[in-house]
Amino acid sequence: MAKVKKKRPTRDEFELEEIGNTLVEAFDEKSEVILDVWEKENVQGQIIKMDSRTKLIHIEKDSSVTKVPFMDIMKVSIL
């Protein structure tokens, strides 16, 4: 039986721009965020790097770094 791969929900340009703006704001203000990530657990921490080349957002929490692909971020909440 072939494994069925679920397709990531599509979001329009407005939603992606809003997520990007919220990430930049949190990064500039060094705020803590909670990211709702598609098909994974939520990620909480401070944004330490946003890599435009790899499109990864680097989140640090308790000196451990999690790299989240931008396109997998469904929602950003600033704490």
C-alpha atoms as a PDB file:
ATOM      1  CA  MET A   1       0.000   0.000   0.000  1.00  0.00           C
ATOM      2  CA  ALA A   2       1.451   3.357  -1.030  1.00  0.00           C
ATOM      3  CA  LYS A   3       1.917   5.969   1.653  1.00  0.00           C
ATOM      4  CA  VAL A   4      -0.434   8.914   1.163  1.00  0.00           C
ATOM      5  CA  LYS A   5       1.379  12.205   1.505  1.00  0.00           C
ATOM      6  CA  LYS A   6      -0.732  15.037   2.872  1.00  0.00           C
ATOM      7  CA  LYS A   7      -0.372  18.308   1.037  1.00  0.00           C
ATOM      8  CA  ARG A   8       0.442  21.460   2.992  1.00  0.00           C
ATOM      9  CA  PRO A   9      -2.522  23.862   3.093  1.00  0.00           C
ATOM     10  CA  THR A  10      -2.128  26.720   0.642  1.00  0.00           C
ATOM     11  CA  ARG A  11      -2.083  30.287   1.857  1.00  0.00           C
ATOM     12  CA  ASP A  12      -2.443  33.429  -0.185  1.00  0.00           C
ATOM     13  CA  GLU A  13       0.173  36.163  -0.504  1.00  0.00           C
ATOM     14  CA  PHE A  14      -1.532  38.278   2.144  1.00  0.00           C
ATOM     15  CA  GLU A  15      -1.305  35.527   4.784  1.00  0.00           C
ATOM     16  CA  LEU A  16       2.358  34.811   3.983  1.00  0.00           C
ATOM     17  CA  GLU A  17       3.203  38.527   4.119  1.00  0.00           C
ATOM     18  CA  GLU A  18       1.430  38.879   7.471  1.00  0.00           C
ATOM     19  CA  ILE A  19       3.378  35.923   8.909  1.00  0.00           C
ATOM     20  CA  GLY A  20       6.631  37.401   7.561  1.00  0.00           C
ATOM     21  CA  ASN A  21       5.909  40.844   9.039  1.00  0.00           C
ATOM     22  CA  THR A  22       5.086  39.334  12.435  1.00  0.00           C
ATOM     23  CA  LEU A  23       8.330  37.316  12.386  1.00  0.00           C
ATOM     24  CA  VAL A  24      10.383  40.428  11.508  1.00  0.00           C
ATOM     25  CA  GLU A  25       8.678  42.427  14.276  1.00  0.00           C
ATOM     26  CA  ALA A  26       9.374  39.684  16.858  1.00  0.00           C
ATOM     27  CA  PHE A  27      12.990  39.379  15.660  1.00  0.00           C
ATOM     28  CA  ASP A  28      13.610  43.153  15.848  1.00  0.00           C
ATOM     29  CA  GLU A  29      12.034  43.459  19.305  1.00  0.00           C
ATOM     30  CA  LYS A  30      13.695  40.233  20.538  1.00  0.00           C
ATOM     31  CA  SER A  31      10.259  38.975  21.627  1.00  0.00           C
ATOM     32  CA  GLU A  32       9.412  35.380  22.431  1.00  0.00           C
ATOM     33  CA  VAL A  33       7.081  33.705  19.944  1.00  0.00           C
ATOM     34  CA  ILE A  34       4.984  30.576  19.577  1.00  0.00           C
ATOM     35  CA  LEU A  35       4.908  29.159  16.054  1.00  0.00           C
ATOM     36  CA  ASP A  36       2.124  26.835  14.949  1.00  0.00           C
ATOM     37  CA  VAL A  37       4.003  24.497  12.610  1.00  0.00           C
ATOM     38  CA  TRP A  38       2.264  22.309  10.028  1.00  0.00           C
ATOM     39  CA  GLU A  39       2.135  18.618  11.102  1.00  0.00           C
ATOM     40  CA  LYS A  40       4.560  19.211  13.998  1.00  0.00           C
ATOM     41  CA  GLU A  41       4.450  20.409  17.585  1.00  0.00           C
ATOM     42  CA  ASN A  42       4.349  24.127  18.299  1.00  0.00           C
ATOM     43  CA  VAL A  43       7.748  25.785  18.682  1.00  0.00           C
ATOM     44  CA  GLN A  44       8.311  28.418  21.364  1.00  0.00           C
ATOM     45  CA  GLY A  45      11.343  30.631  21.817  1.00  0.00           C
ATOM     46  CA  GLN A  46      13.194  33.683  20.544  1.00  0.00           C
ATOM     47  CA  ILE A  47      14.034  34.181  16.873  1.00  0.00           C
ATOM     48  CA  ILE A  48      17.825  34.400  16.582  1.00  0.00           C
ATOM     49  CA  LYS A  49      18.176  34.216  12.792  1.00  0.00           C
ATOM     50  CA  MET A  50      16.018  34.370   9.683  1.00  0.00           C
ATOM     51  CA  ASP A  51      17.928  32.822   6.772  1.00  0.00           C
ATOM     52  CA  SER A  52      16.577  34.102   3.447  1.00  0.00           C
ATOM     53  CA  ARG A  53      18.753  31.694   1.453  1.00  0.00           C
ATOM     54  CA  THR A  54      17.483  28.490   3.086  1.00  0.00           C
ATOM     55  CA  LYS A  55      14.125  30.015   4.159  1.00  0.00           C
ATOM     56  CA  LEU A  56      14.623  28.697   7.705  1.00  0.00           C
ATOM     57  CA  ILE A  57      13.649  30.508  10.904  1.00  0.00           C
ATOM     58  CA  HIS A  58      16.062  29.727  13.778  1.00  0.00           C
ATOM     59  CA  ILE A  59      14.318  29.662  17.182  1.00  0.00           C
ATOM     60  CA  GLU A  60      16.298  29.412  20.435  1.00  0.00           C
ATOM     61  CA  LYS A  61      14.840  28.127  23.700  1.00  0.00           C
ATOM     62  CA  ASP A  62      17.018  27.144  26.678  1.00  0.00           C
ATOM     63  CA  SER A  63      20.182  27.226  24.500  1.00  0.00           C
ATOM     64  CA  SER A  64      18.797  24.697  22.001  1.00  0.00           C
ATOM     65  CA  VAL A  65      18.071  25.872  18.453  1.00  0.00           C
ATOM     66  CA  THR A  66      15.174  24.653  16.309  1.00  0.00           C
ATOM     67  CA  LYS A  67      15.109  25.429  12.586  1.00  0.00           C
ATOM     68  CA  VAL A  68      11.621  25.817  11.118  1.00  0.00           C
ATOM     69  CA  PRO A  69      10.950  26.148   7.367  1.00  0.00           C
ATOM     70  CA  PHE A  70       9.052  29.391   6.694  1.00  0.00           C
ATOM     71  CA  MET A  71       6.469  27.652   4.501  1.00  0.00           C
ATOM     72  CA  ASP A  72       5.577  25.252   7.372  1.00  0.00           C
ATOM     73  CA  ILE A  73       4.623  28.129   9.713  1.00  0.00           C
ATOM     74  CA  MET A  74       0.843  28.367   9.918  1.00  0.00           C
ATOM     75  CA  LYS A  75       0.524  31.027  12.639  1.00  0.00           C
ATOM     76  CA  VAL A  76       2.799  33.264  14.733  1.00  0.00           C
ATOM     77  CA  SER A  77       1.909  34.483  18.238  1.00  0.00           C
ATOM     78  CA  ILE A  78       4.093  37.044  20.005  1.00  0.00           C
ATOM     79  CA  LEU A  79       4.227  36.604  23.788  1.00  0.00           C
END
